[in-house]
Amino acid sequence: MDPNNKPKGPSPHYSLYQREVFKAGGDHGLMPSFSVHPDELEASTRKKLTDHGYFYANSNAGMGWTDRANREAFYRWRIVPRMLVDTTTRDLTTTLFGHKIPAPILFAPIGINKLYTPKGELVPARIAGELGLPYCLSTAASNSIEDVAAANDAGAATPTESNAVHAYDGPNGGSPRAGAPRFFQLYAGPDDDVTLSLMARAWAAGFDVLLFTVDTWQLGWRPTDISLANYVFYYPPGQVGNENGRADPVFMRKGGEAALEEDSGAWIDRHVWHGKAHTWAKIPWLVEQWARISGGRPFVLKGIQSAADARRALEVGCAGIVVTNHAGRQVDGAVGSLEVLPEVVAAVGDKMTIIFDSGVRTGADAFKALALGAHAVAVGRLYVWGMAHDGEAGCRHVMKSFLADLDITMTVAGYRSIERDVRGNRDALRYNPSGVPPPRGDHAKL
């Protein structure tokens, strides 16, 4: 880990973050304030948050079997290391929807971040900007679209070796143009005027890819949240989670403030998790409207779990899909997302962009999803757990650790380039149909 004789590669030497941590301990006695081992990180988050915050981040549908299926699917795919390969430099770069990015990693859209840190979504948006990685903002955010865009640009304005890789010269509605890649995740309610307002605001704030979530117009049955009556929107003073609604001119013009004063759940119940089913019939209209607003930038369906639905998404004009089961939070006893990824890739992988989400905990997980054909991988709960510990510093530590893990995995496993050696390379993996992961806590720990 000599930093002085490493030739410069196409992407940063994320692996050197390991040395940075070691040197801080050896030279100055400075230790990380929390463990980034995923099991320990989740457990220590329990001590940092209220019951409402912790269980909202970590609750799953029903018995939690879909969440478990996500992790078991990763366990069954094993990396095949290759020796005597020159991996002195690695190339983690890729191009996603026209954005050249330093690694095929996104910040997944997660709502109501003020449950985890006082600044809410401003924290991960800023860190994503520092790293030059795409940040996906949820409609259910606890900050306005515009404030999150500003935080993302502030992070991008801090020069780093990582965000220096980002390049994009396509259409962007930001004024000035967005300094970092950012995408908007849309929950669409039955009021098309409000939906169009959200889309227009996102575009004007520099979010140039739209991800429409199709699996969560109705919240899944989550027993731990039921036990706590855990729905922040209904609790006084009724502010957290309504920020995007209060910032929306159409919602407010249609009596939004009076509606929220009468019922603090008016925004979320009518325009986010409203309980009114989406159908395929609506998608062409949404695709058309986003194309009109954005000048033809990509429209992506989030929540695809079958090859049949992936083909249908392609047929109705979607540029991409997110293969995800909402991290096991919607349908209990469902397939793990990684289980269905190979069949989805076989159906549409050469025709549209595939982002993988659900159950990702390590750099090795990202490697496996990419080797199975995903173009990029979204990380969610990990960065929430990090910012729950130490705000920006905690979020930064978790995401830099994740990138170092991926970089080191490629280094020692003998795979130099994401695009040439990893993505879609089934020979890089071996499938083991039996066995289950070791129980949580069954690892070396302090």
Protein backbone atom coordinates (compact mmCIF):
# COMPACT_ATOMS: atom_id res chain seq x y z
CA MET A 1 0.00 0.00 0.00
CA ASP A 2 2.83 2.37 -0.88
CA PRO A 3 1.05 5.47 -2.18
CA ASN A 4 4.19 6.91 -3.74
CA ASN A 5 4.85 4.45 -6.55
CA LYS A 6 1.34 3.75 -7.76
CA PRO A 7 0.81 4.78 -11.37
CA LYS A 8 -2.30 6.85 -12.00
CA GLY A 9 -5.18 4.82 -13.40
CA PRO A 10 -8.51 5.74 -15.02
CA SER A 11 -10.21 5.79 -11.62
CA PRO A 12 -8.95 6.79 -8.17
CA HIS A 13 -7.06 4.35 -5.98
CA TYR A 14 -10.03 3.92 -3.65
CA SER A 15 -8.07 1.09 -2.02
CA LEU A 16 -5.78 3.66 -0.35
CA TYR A 17 -8.61 4.61 1.99
CA GLN A 18 -7.70 1.45 3.90
CA ARG A 19 -4.17 2.80 4.37
CA GLU A 20 -5.54 6.19 5.37
CA VAL A 21 -7.51 4.57 8.19
CA PHE A 22 -4.53 2.47 9.29
CA LYS A 23 -2.17 5.49 9.29
CA ALA A 24 -4.59 7.63 11.30
CA GLY A 25 -4.57 4.92 13.94
CA GLY A 26 -0.84 4.26 13.87
CA ASP A 27 0.39 7.85 13.66
CA HIS A 28 -2.22 9.67 15.70
CA GLY A 29 -4.19 7.06 17.63
CA LEU A 30 -7.35 8.01 15.75
CA MET A 31 -9.78 5.13 15.33
CA PRO A 32 -13.02 5.06 13.35
CA SER A 33 -15.95 5.89 15.59
CA PHE A 34 -17.92 2.86 14.39
CA SER A 35 -17.44 -0.43 12.56
CA VAL A 36 -18.24 -0.63 8.85
CA HIS A 37 -18.82 -4.39 9.03
CA PRO A 38 -22.45 -4.42 7.83
CA ASP A 39 -23.80 -6.53 10.70
CA GLU A 40 -22.02 -4.46 13.34
CA LEU A 41 -22.95 -1.21 11.61
CA GLU A 42 -26.62 -2.12 11.61
CA ALA A 43 -26.43 -3.18 15.27
CA SER A 44 -24.67 0.00 16.41
CA THR A 45 -27.20 2.12 14.53
CA ARG A 46 -29.79 0.76 16.96
CA LYS A 47 -28.01 2.68 19.73
CA LYS A 48 -27.90 5.92 17.73
CA LEU A 49 -31.54 6.30 16.71
CA THR A 50 -34.90 6.39 18.39
CA ASP A 51 -37.08 3.32 18.00
CA HIS A 52 -39.08 5.15 15.35
CA GLY A 53 -35.98 6.08 13.34
CA TYR A 54 -34.25 2.73 13.62
CA PHE A 55 -37.22 0.57 12.76
CA TYR A 56 -38.35 2.80 9.92
CA ALA A 57 -34.93 2.30 8.31
CA ASN A 58 -34.74 -1.42 9.03
CA SER A 59 -38.28 -2.79 9.02
CA ASN A 60 -39.17 -5.36 6.40
CA ALA A 61 -42.37 -6.83 5.04
CA GLY A 62 -43.95 -9.59 7.10
CA MET A 63 -41.48 -12.14 8.47
CA GLY A 64 -38.57 -10.51 6.69
CA TRP A 65 -38.06 -13.49 4.40
CA THR A 66 -37.61 -11.37 1.27
CA ASP A 67 -34.87 -9.39 2.97
CA ARG A 68 -33.28 -12.69 3.93
CA ALA A 69 -33.69 -13.98 0.36
CA ASN A 70 -31.78 -10.94 -0.89
CA ARG A 71 -28.79 -11.80 1.28
CA GLU A 72 -28.97 -15.55 0.62
CA ALA A 73 -28.89 -14.92 -3.12
CA PHE A 74 -25.58 -13.09 -2.77
CA TYR A 75 -24.18 -15.92 -0.65
CA ARG A 76 -24.90 -18.49 -3.36
CA TRP A 77 -22.90 -16.68 -6.04
CA ARG A 78 -19.16 -17.01 -5.43
CA ILE A 79 -16.34 -14.99 -7.03
CA VAL A 80 -13.71 -16.95 -8.98
CA PRO A 81 -10.32 -15.26 -8.30
CA ARG A 82 -7.78 -15.08 -11.13
CA MET A 83 -4.06 -14.94 -10.36
CA LEU A 84 -1.03 -13.20 -11.90
CA VAL A 85 -3.16 -10.45 -13.42
CA ASP A 86 -1.71 -6.92 -13.40
CA THR A 87 -4.22 -5.04 -11.30
CA THR A 88 -1.79 -2.35 -10.15
CA THR A 89 -4.32 0.11 -11.52
CA ARG A 90 -8.01 -0.56 -11.91
CA ASP A 91 -10.67 1.02 -14.04
CA LEU A 92 -13.94 1.30 -12.14
CA THR A 93 -15.29 4.00 -14.44
CA THR A 94 -18.44 3.54 -16.46
CA THR A 95 -20.98 5.65 -18.31
CA LEU A 96 -24.54 5.72 -17.00
CA PHE A 97 -27.22 7.58 -18.95
CA GLY A 98 -24.54 9.75 -20.55
CA HIS A 99 -22.72 10.52 -17.28
CA LYS A 100 -19.15 9.29 -17.00
CA ILE A 101 -18.83 8.32 -13.36
CA PRO A 102 -15.84 7.06 -11.33
CA ALA A 103 -17.54 3.83 -10.23
CA PRO A 104 -20.80 2.03 -11.08
CA ILE A 105 -22.33 2.92 -7.72
CA LEU A 106 -25.39 5.07 -6.94
CA PHE A 107 -26.91 6.44 -3.76
CA ALA A 108 -30.32 4.75 -3.72
CA PRO A 109 -33.42 6.91 -3.10
CA ILE A 110 -34.45 6.72 0.55
CA GLY A 111 -37.12 8.97 2.05
CA ILE A 112 -37.49 10.92 5.28
CA ASN A 113 -33.77 11.16 6.05
CA LYS A 114 -34.39 13.58 8.93
CA LEU A 115 -35.32 10.48 10.91
CA TYR A 116 -31.63 9.59 10.79
CA THR A 117 -29.77 12.91 10.94
CA PRO A 118 -30.99 16.50 11.45
CA LYS A 119 -29.97 17.69 7.96
CA GLY A 120 -31.71 14.79 6.27
CA GLU A 121 -31.09 14.28 2.55
CA LEU A 122 -28.66 17.21 2.45
CA VAL A 123 -26.06 14.86 3.94
CA PRO A 124 -25.95 12.03 1.37
CA ALA A 125 -26.54 14.52 -1.47
CA ARG A 126 -23.42 16.40 -0.47
CA ILE A 127 -21.31 13.25 -0.08
CA ALA A 128 -22.49 11.97 -3.46
CA GLY A 129 -21.37 15.29 -4.97
CA GLU A 130 -17.96 14.94 -3.33
CA LEU A 131 -17.57 11.46 -4.81
CA GLY A 132 -19.03 12.23 -8.24
CA LEU A 133 -21.53 9.38 -7.88
CA PRO A 134 -25.20 9.68 -8.88
CA TYR A 135 -27.51 10.70 -6.04
CA CYS A 136 -31.15 9.58 -6.32
CA LEU A 137 -33.62 11.75 -4.43
CA SER A 138 -36.89 10.32 -3.17
CA THR A 139 -40.21 12.14 -3.59
CA ALA A 140 -40.72 11.29 0.10
CA ALA A 141 -37.71 13.38 1.08
CA SER A 142 -37.62 15.53 4.18
CA ASN A 143 -35.96 18.37 2.28
CA SER A 144 -37.14 20.15 -0.84
CA ILE A 145 -35.91 19.13 -4.28
CA GLU A 146 -34.24 22.51 -4.65
CA ASP A 147 -32.38 22.41 -1.32
CA VAL A 148 -31.08 18.91 -2.03
CA ALA A 149 -29.82 20.02 -5.45
CA ALA A 150 -27.92 22.87 -3.79
CA ALA A 151 -26.32 20.47 -1.30
CA ASN A 152 -25.33 18.13 -4.12
CA ASP A 153 -23.71 21.00 -6.01
CA ALA A 154 -21.92 22.15 -2.85
CA GLY A 155 -20.38 18.69 -2.53
CA ALA A 156 -19.38 18.70 -6.19
CA ALA A 157 -17.71 22.10 -5.68
CA THR A 158 -15.24 20.43 -3.30
CA PRO A 159 -12.58 19.11 -5.70
CA THR A 160 -11.72 15.45 -5.17
CA GLU A 161 -9.94 12.85 -7.25
CA SER A 162 -13.24 10.98 -7.41
CA ASN A 163 -15.58 13.73 -8.62
CA ALA A 164 -12.95 14.93 -11.10
CA VAL A 165 -13.83 11.84 -13.17
CA HIS A 166 -17.45 12.90 -13.69
CA ALA A 167 -18.22 14.24 -17.13
CA TYR A 168 -21.52 14.96 -18.87
CA ASP A 169 -22.38 17.22 -21.79
CA GLY A 170 -26.01 16.30 -22.40
CA PRO A 171 -29.22 18.20 -21.61
CA ASN A 172 -29.63 19.40 -18.03
CA GLY A 173 -32.29 21.71 -16.67
CA GLY A 174 -30.24 23.18 -13.82
CA SER A 175 -29.40 26.87 -13.93
CA PRO A 176 -26.47 26.81 -13.62
CA ARG A 177 -26.04 23.23 -14.83
CA ALA A 178 -25.82 20.56 -12.18
CA GLY A 179 -22.28 20.02 -10.97
CA ALA A 180 -22.86 16.35 -10.19
CA PRO A 181 -25.03 13.52 -11.54
CA ARG A 182 -28.39 13.42 -9.81
CA PHE A 183 -31.59 11.50 -10.54
CA PHE A 184 -35.12 11.93 -9.20
CA GLN A 185 -37.26 9.07 -7.92
CA LEU A 186 -40.94 9.77 -8.54
CA TYR A 187 -43.94 8.64 -6.55
CA ALA A 188 -46.92 9.67 -8.66
CA GLY A 189 -50.32 10.28 -7.13
CA PRO A 190 -53.69 10.49 -8.85
CA ASP A 191 -53.39 14.26 -9.31
CA ASP A 192 -51.51 14.65 -12.60
CA ASP A 193 -50.98 18.36 -12.03
CA VAL A 194 -48.92 17.67 -8.91
CA THR A 195 -47.02 14.87 -10.67
CA LEU A 196 -46.10 17.19 -13.53
CA SER A 197 -45.05 19.85 -11.04
CA LEU A 198 -42.68 17.42 -9.29
CA MET A 199 -41.19 16.39 -12.62
CA ALA A 200 -40.72 19.99 -13.74
CA ARG A 201 -39.16 20.99 -10.41
CA ALA A 202 -36.76 18.04 -10.56
CA TRP A 203 -35.66 18.94 -14.09
CA ALA A 204 -35.23 22.62 -13.23
CA ALA A 205 -33.08 21.61 -10.26
CA GLY A 206 -30.71 19.57 -12.41
CA PHE A 207 -32.09 16.05 -11.88
CA ASP A 208 -31.83 14.65 -15.40
CA VAL A 209 -32.98 11.03 -15.05
CA LEU A 210 -36.43 10.08 -13.74
CA LEU A 211 -36.96 6.84 -11.79
CA PHE A 212 -40.64 5.99 -11.39
CA THR A 213 -41.30 3.57 -8.53
CA VAL A 214 -43.95 0.99 -9.41
CA ASP A 215 -43.88 -1.26 -6.33
CA THR A 216 -44.79 1.16 -3.53
CA TRP A 217 -47.98 3.08 -4.13
CA GLN A 218 -49.21 1.21 -1.02
CA LEU A 219 -46.86 0.52 1.88
CA GLY A 220 -46.20 -3.16 2.58
CA TRP A 221 -47.22 -4.81 5.85
CA ARG A 222 -44.30 -4.17 8.20
CA PRO A 223 -45.01 -5.59 11.66
CA THR A 224 -42.26 -3.70 13.48
CA ASP A 225 -43.70 -0.40 12.25
CA ILE A 226 -47.18 -1.59 13.24
CA SER A 227 -45.93 -2.29 16.76
CA LEU A 228 -44.75 1.31 17.10
CA ALA A 229 -47.52 2.96 15.04
CA ASN A 230 -44.47 4.19 13.15
CA TYR A 231 -45.57 6.79 10.63
CA VAL A 232 -43.86 10.11 11.26
CA PHE A 233 -46.32 12.07 9.08
CA TYR A 234 -49.13 11.63 11.59
CA TYR A 235 -47.16 12.82 14.60
CA PRO A 236 -47.10 16.45 15.75
CA PRO A 237 -45.93 18.95 14.73
CA GLY A 238 -46.51 17.39 11.29
CA GLN A 239 -43.48 18.93 9.59
CA VAL A 240 -41.06 16.06 8.84
CA GLY A 241 -41.82 14.42 5.51
CA ASN A 242 -43.98 17.26 4.21
CA GLU A 243 -41.14 19.52 3.07
CA ASN A 244 -41.44 18.58 -0.59
CA GLY A 245 -45.18 19.14 -0.50
CA ARG A 246 -44.90 22.55 1.11
CA ALA A 247 -42.30 23.51 -1.51
CA ASP A 248 -44.54 22.46 -4.39
CA PRO A 249 -46.42 25.40 -5.94
CA VAL A 250 -49.21 23.29 -7.43
CA PHE A 251 -49.91 21.38 -4.21
CA MET A 252 -49.94 24.62 -2.26
CA ARG A 253 -52.10 26.42 -4.82
CA LYS A 254 -54.63 23.63 -4.49
CA GLY A 255 -55.01 24.24 -0.77
CA GLY A 256 -52.04 22.27 0.47
CA GLU A 257 -51.40 24.33 3.61
CA ALA A 258 -55.01 24.11 4.75
CA ALA A 259 -55.03 20.40 4.01
CA LEU A 260 -51.86 19.86 6.08
CA GLU A 261 -53.23 21.92 8.96
CA GLU A 262 -56.31 19.74 9.00
CA ASP A 263 -54.41 16.46 8.46
CA SER A 264 -50.60 16.30 8.61
CA GLY A 265 -50.74 13.20 6.39
CA ALA A 266 -52.43 15.03 3.51
CA TRP A 267 -49.30 15.27 1.35
CA ILE A 268 -48.07 11.73 1.82
CA ASP A 269 -51.53 10.11 1.74
CA ARG A 270 -52.72 11.87 -1.40
CA HIS A 271 -49.57 12.16 -3.49
CA VAL A 272 -47.01 9.57 -2.37
CA TRP A 273 -48.30 6.37 -0.72
CA HIS A 274 -51.91 6.87 -1.73
CA GLY A 275 -53.12 3.28 -2.17
CA LYS A 276 -54.32 3.71 -5.76
CA ALA A 277 -52.79 1.13 -8.09
CA HIS A 278 -50.61 2.05 -11.04
CA THR A 279 -51.08 0.18 -14.31
CA TRP A 280 -49.11 -0.16 -17.54
CA ALA A 281 -51.65 2.10 -19.22
CA LYS A 282 -50.21 5.11 -17.37
CA ILE A 283 -46.56 4.58 -18.29
CA PRO A 284 -46.58 5.89 -21.90
CA TRP A 285 -48.08 9.17 -20.69
CA LEU A 286 -45.40 9.52 -18.00
CA VAL A 287 -42.66 8.69 -20.51
CA GLU A 288 -44.06 11.27 -22.90
CA GLN A 289 -44.36 13.99 -20.25
CA TRP A 290 -40.83 13.45 -18.95
CA ALA A 291 -39.50 13.54 -22.52
CA ARG A 292 -41.33 16.83 -23.08
CA ILE A 293 -40.03 18.36 -19.86
CA SER A 294 -36.46 17.07 -20.13
CA GLY A 295 -35.85 17.06 -23.85
CA GLY A 296 -35.79 13.28 -24.01
CA ARG A 297 -33.70 12.31 -20.97
CA PRO A 298 -34.07 8.74 -19.64
CA PHE A 299 -37.22 7.43 -17.96
CA VAL A 300 -36.62 4.41 -15.73
CA LEU A 301 -38.99 1.99 -13.98
CA LYS A 302 -37.97 1.09 -10.44
CA GLY A 303 -39.28 -2.13 -8.90
CA ILE A 304 -38.92 -4.73 -11.68
CA GLN A 305 -38.64 -8.35 -10.52
CA SER A 306 -39.38 -10.43 -13.62
CA ALA A 307 -38.19 -10.77 -17.20
CA ALA A 308 -41.78 -10.33 -18.42
CA ASP A 309 -42.10 -6.94 -16.75
CA ALA A 310 -38.65 -5.94 -18.00
CA ARG A 311 -39.71 -6.68 -21.58
CA ARG A 312 -42.92 -4.71 -21.05
CA ALA A 313 -40.92 -1.74 -19.75
CA LEU A 314 -38.84 -1.81 -22.90
CA GLU A 315 -41.94 -1.98 -25.08
CA VAL A 316 -43.52 1.12 -23.51
CA GLY A 317 -40.42 3.23 -24.04
CA CYS A 318 -38.41 3.04 -20.83
CA ALA A 319 -34.65 3.61 -21.13
CA GLY A 320 -33.85 1.55 -18.07
CA ILE A 321 -35.11 -0.40 -15.10
CA VAL A 322 -34.12 -0.87 -11.48
CA VAL A 323 -34.19 -4.52 -10.46
CA THR A 324 -35.30 -4.22 -6.84
CA ASN A 325 -37.85 -5.54 -4.36
CA HIS A 326 -37.67 -2.34 -2.31
CA ALA A 327 -35.10 -4.03 -0.05
CA GLY A 328 -37.64 -6.63 1.06
CA ARG A 329 -40.04 -4.01 2.42
CA GLN A 330 -43.06 -4.65 0.21
CA VAL A 331 -43.85 -8.33 -0.49
CA ASP A 332 -42.91 -10.93 2.11
CA GLY A 333 -41.79 -14.31 0.80
CA ALA A 334 -40.81 -12.89 -2.59
CA VAL A 335 -37.82 -13.75 -4.75
CA GLY A 336 -34.49 -12.17 -3.92
CA SER A 337 -33.57 -9.46 -6.42
CA LEU A 338 -30.27 -11.12 -7.33
CA GLU A 339 -32.15 -14.34 -8.08
CA VAL A 340 -34.06 -12.71 -10.93
CA LEU A 341 -31.25 -10.50 -12.22
CA PRO A 342 -29.83 -13.12 -14.67
CA GLU A 343 -33.19 -13.69 -16.38
CA VAL A 344 -33.86 -9.95 -16.59
CA VAL A 345 -30.41 -9.39 -18.11
CA ALA A 346 -31.03 -12.19 -20.62
CA ALA A 347 -34.32 -10.55 -21.64
CA VAL A 348 -33.33 -6.90 -22.00
CA GLY A 349 -29.72 -6.40 -20.89
CA ASP A 350 -28.47 -5.51 -24.36
CA LYS A 351 -31.36 -3.14 -25.01
CA MET A 352 -31.72 -1.01 -21.88
CA THR A 353 -29.82 0.06 -18.77
CA ILE A 354 -30.21 -2.15 -15.70
CA ILE A 355 -29.56 -0.81 -12.22
CA PHE A 356 -29.47 -3.35 -9.40
CA ASP A 357 -30.76 -2.63 -5.89
CA SER A 358 -31.71 -4.62 -2.75
CA GLY A 359 -29.55 -6.41 -0.22
CA VAL A 360 -26.24 -4.81 -1.22
CA ARG A 361 -23.86 -4.65 1.73
CA THR A 362 -20.29 -5.04 0.40
CA GLY A 363 -18.04 -4.34 -2.53
CA ALA A 364 -18.12 -8.06 -3.30
CA ASP A 365 -21.93 -7.81 -3.56
CA ALA A 366 -21.58 -5.04 -6.12
CA PHE A 367 -19.02 -7.12 -8.05
CA LYS A 368 -21.46 -10.04 -8.21
CA ALA A 369 -24.38 -7.94 -9.43
CA LEU A 370 -22.19 -6.37 -12.11
CA ALA A 371 -20.83 -9.75 -13.19
CA LEU A 372 -24.42 -10.93 -13.58
CA GLY A 373 -25.05 -8.09 -16.00
CA ALA A 374 -26.18 -5.01 -14.07
CA HIS A 375 -24.82 -1.74 -15.42
CA ALA A 376 -24.70 -0.12 -11.98
CA VAL A 377 -25.53 -0.90 -8.35
CA ALA A 378 -27.48 1.21 -5.84
CA VAL A 379 -26.47 1.36 -2.17
CA GLY A 380 -29.12 2.30 0.38
CA ARG A 381 -29.26 1.26 4.00
CA LEU A 382 -25.47 1.38 4.38
CA TYR A 383 -25.27 5.14 3.92
CA VAL A 384 -28.29 5.65 6.18
CA TRP A 385 -26.55 3.70 8.93
CA GLY A 386 -23.40 5.76 8.42
CA MET A 387 -25.08 9.15 8.63
CA ALA A 388 -27.06 7.97 11.66
CA HIS A 389 -23.73 7.67 13.47
CA ASP A 390 -21.86 10.81 12.41
CA GLY A 391 -23.82 12.81 9.85
CA GLU A 392 -21.67 13.80 6.89
CA ALA A 393 -18.53 12.20 8.32
CA GLY A 394 -20.34 8.91 8.93
CA CYS A 395 -21.92 8.85 5.48
CA ARG A 396 -18.58 9.69 3.87
CA HIS A 397 -16.76 6.97 5.86
CA VAL A 398 -19.26 4.29 4.85
CA MET A 399 -19.28 5.16 1.17
CA LYS A 400 -15.49 5.56 0.89
CA SER A 401 -15.17 2.23 2.67
CA PHE A 402 -17.59 0.64 0.19
CA LEU A 403 -15.61 1.97 -2.77
CA ALA A 404 -12.35 0.76 -1.19
CA ASP A 405 -13.92 -2.67 -0.67
CA LEU A 406 -14.96 -2.89 -4.33
CA ASP A 407 -11.58 -1.62 -5.52
CA ILE A 408 -9.64 -4.04 -3.32
CA THR A 409 -11.91 -6.94 -4.29
CA MET A 410 -11.05 -6.32 -7.95
CA THR A 411 -7.36 -5.92 -7.08
CA VAL A 412 -6.91 -9.18 -5.20
CA ALA A 413 -9.38 -11.21 -7.29
CA GLY A 414 -7.60 -10.33 -10.53
CA TYR A 415 -10.13 -8.18 -12.38
CA ARG A 416 -8.79 -4.87 -13.65
CA SER A 417 -11.71 -3.22 -15.43
CA ILE A 418 -15.39 -3.04 -14.59
CA GLU A 419 -16.45 -2.78 -18.23
CA ARG A 420 -13.94 -5.18 -19.81
CA ASP A 421 -13.47 -7.80 -17.11
CA VAL A 422 -16.43 -7.74 -14.71
CA ARG A 423 -19.72 -6.60 -16.19
CA GLY A 424 -21.63 -9.52 -17.68
CA ASN A 425 -18.74 -11.94 -17.08
CA ARG A 426 -20.47 -15.05 -15.74
CA ASP A 427 -17.11 -16.85 -15.74
CA ALA A 428 -16.13 -14.55 -12.87
CA LEU A 429 -18.73 -16.30 -10.70
CA ARG A 430 -19.62 -19.81 -9.62
CA TYR A 431 -23.14 -20.67 -8.42
CA ASN A 432 -23.60 -22.82 -5.32
CA PRO A 433 -27.27 -23.92 -5.11
CA SER A 434 -27.10 -25.04 -1.48
CA GLY A 435 -26.26 -23.52 1.85
CA VAL A 436 -27.30 -20.42 3.74
CA PRO A 437 -25.18 -17.52 5.00
CA PRO A 438 -23.66 -17.85 8.46
CA PRO A 439 -25.78 -16.33 11.23
CA ARG A 440 -25.34 -12.66 11.94
CA GLY A 441 -22.52 -12.05 14.37
CA ASP A 442 -20.62 -15.16 13.26
CA HIS A 443 -17.45 -13.29 12.39
CA ALA A 444 -14.31 -11.94 14.07
CA LYS A 445 -15.22 -8.81 15.99
CA LEU A 446 -14.06 -6.62 18.85
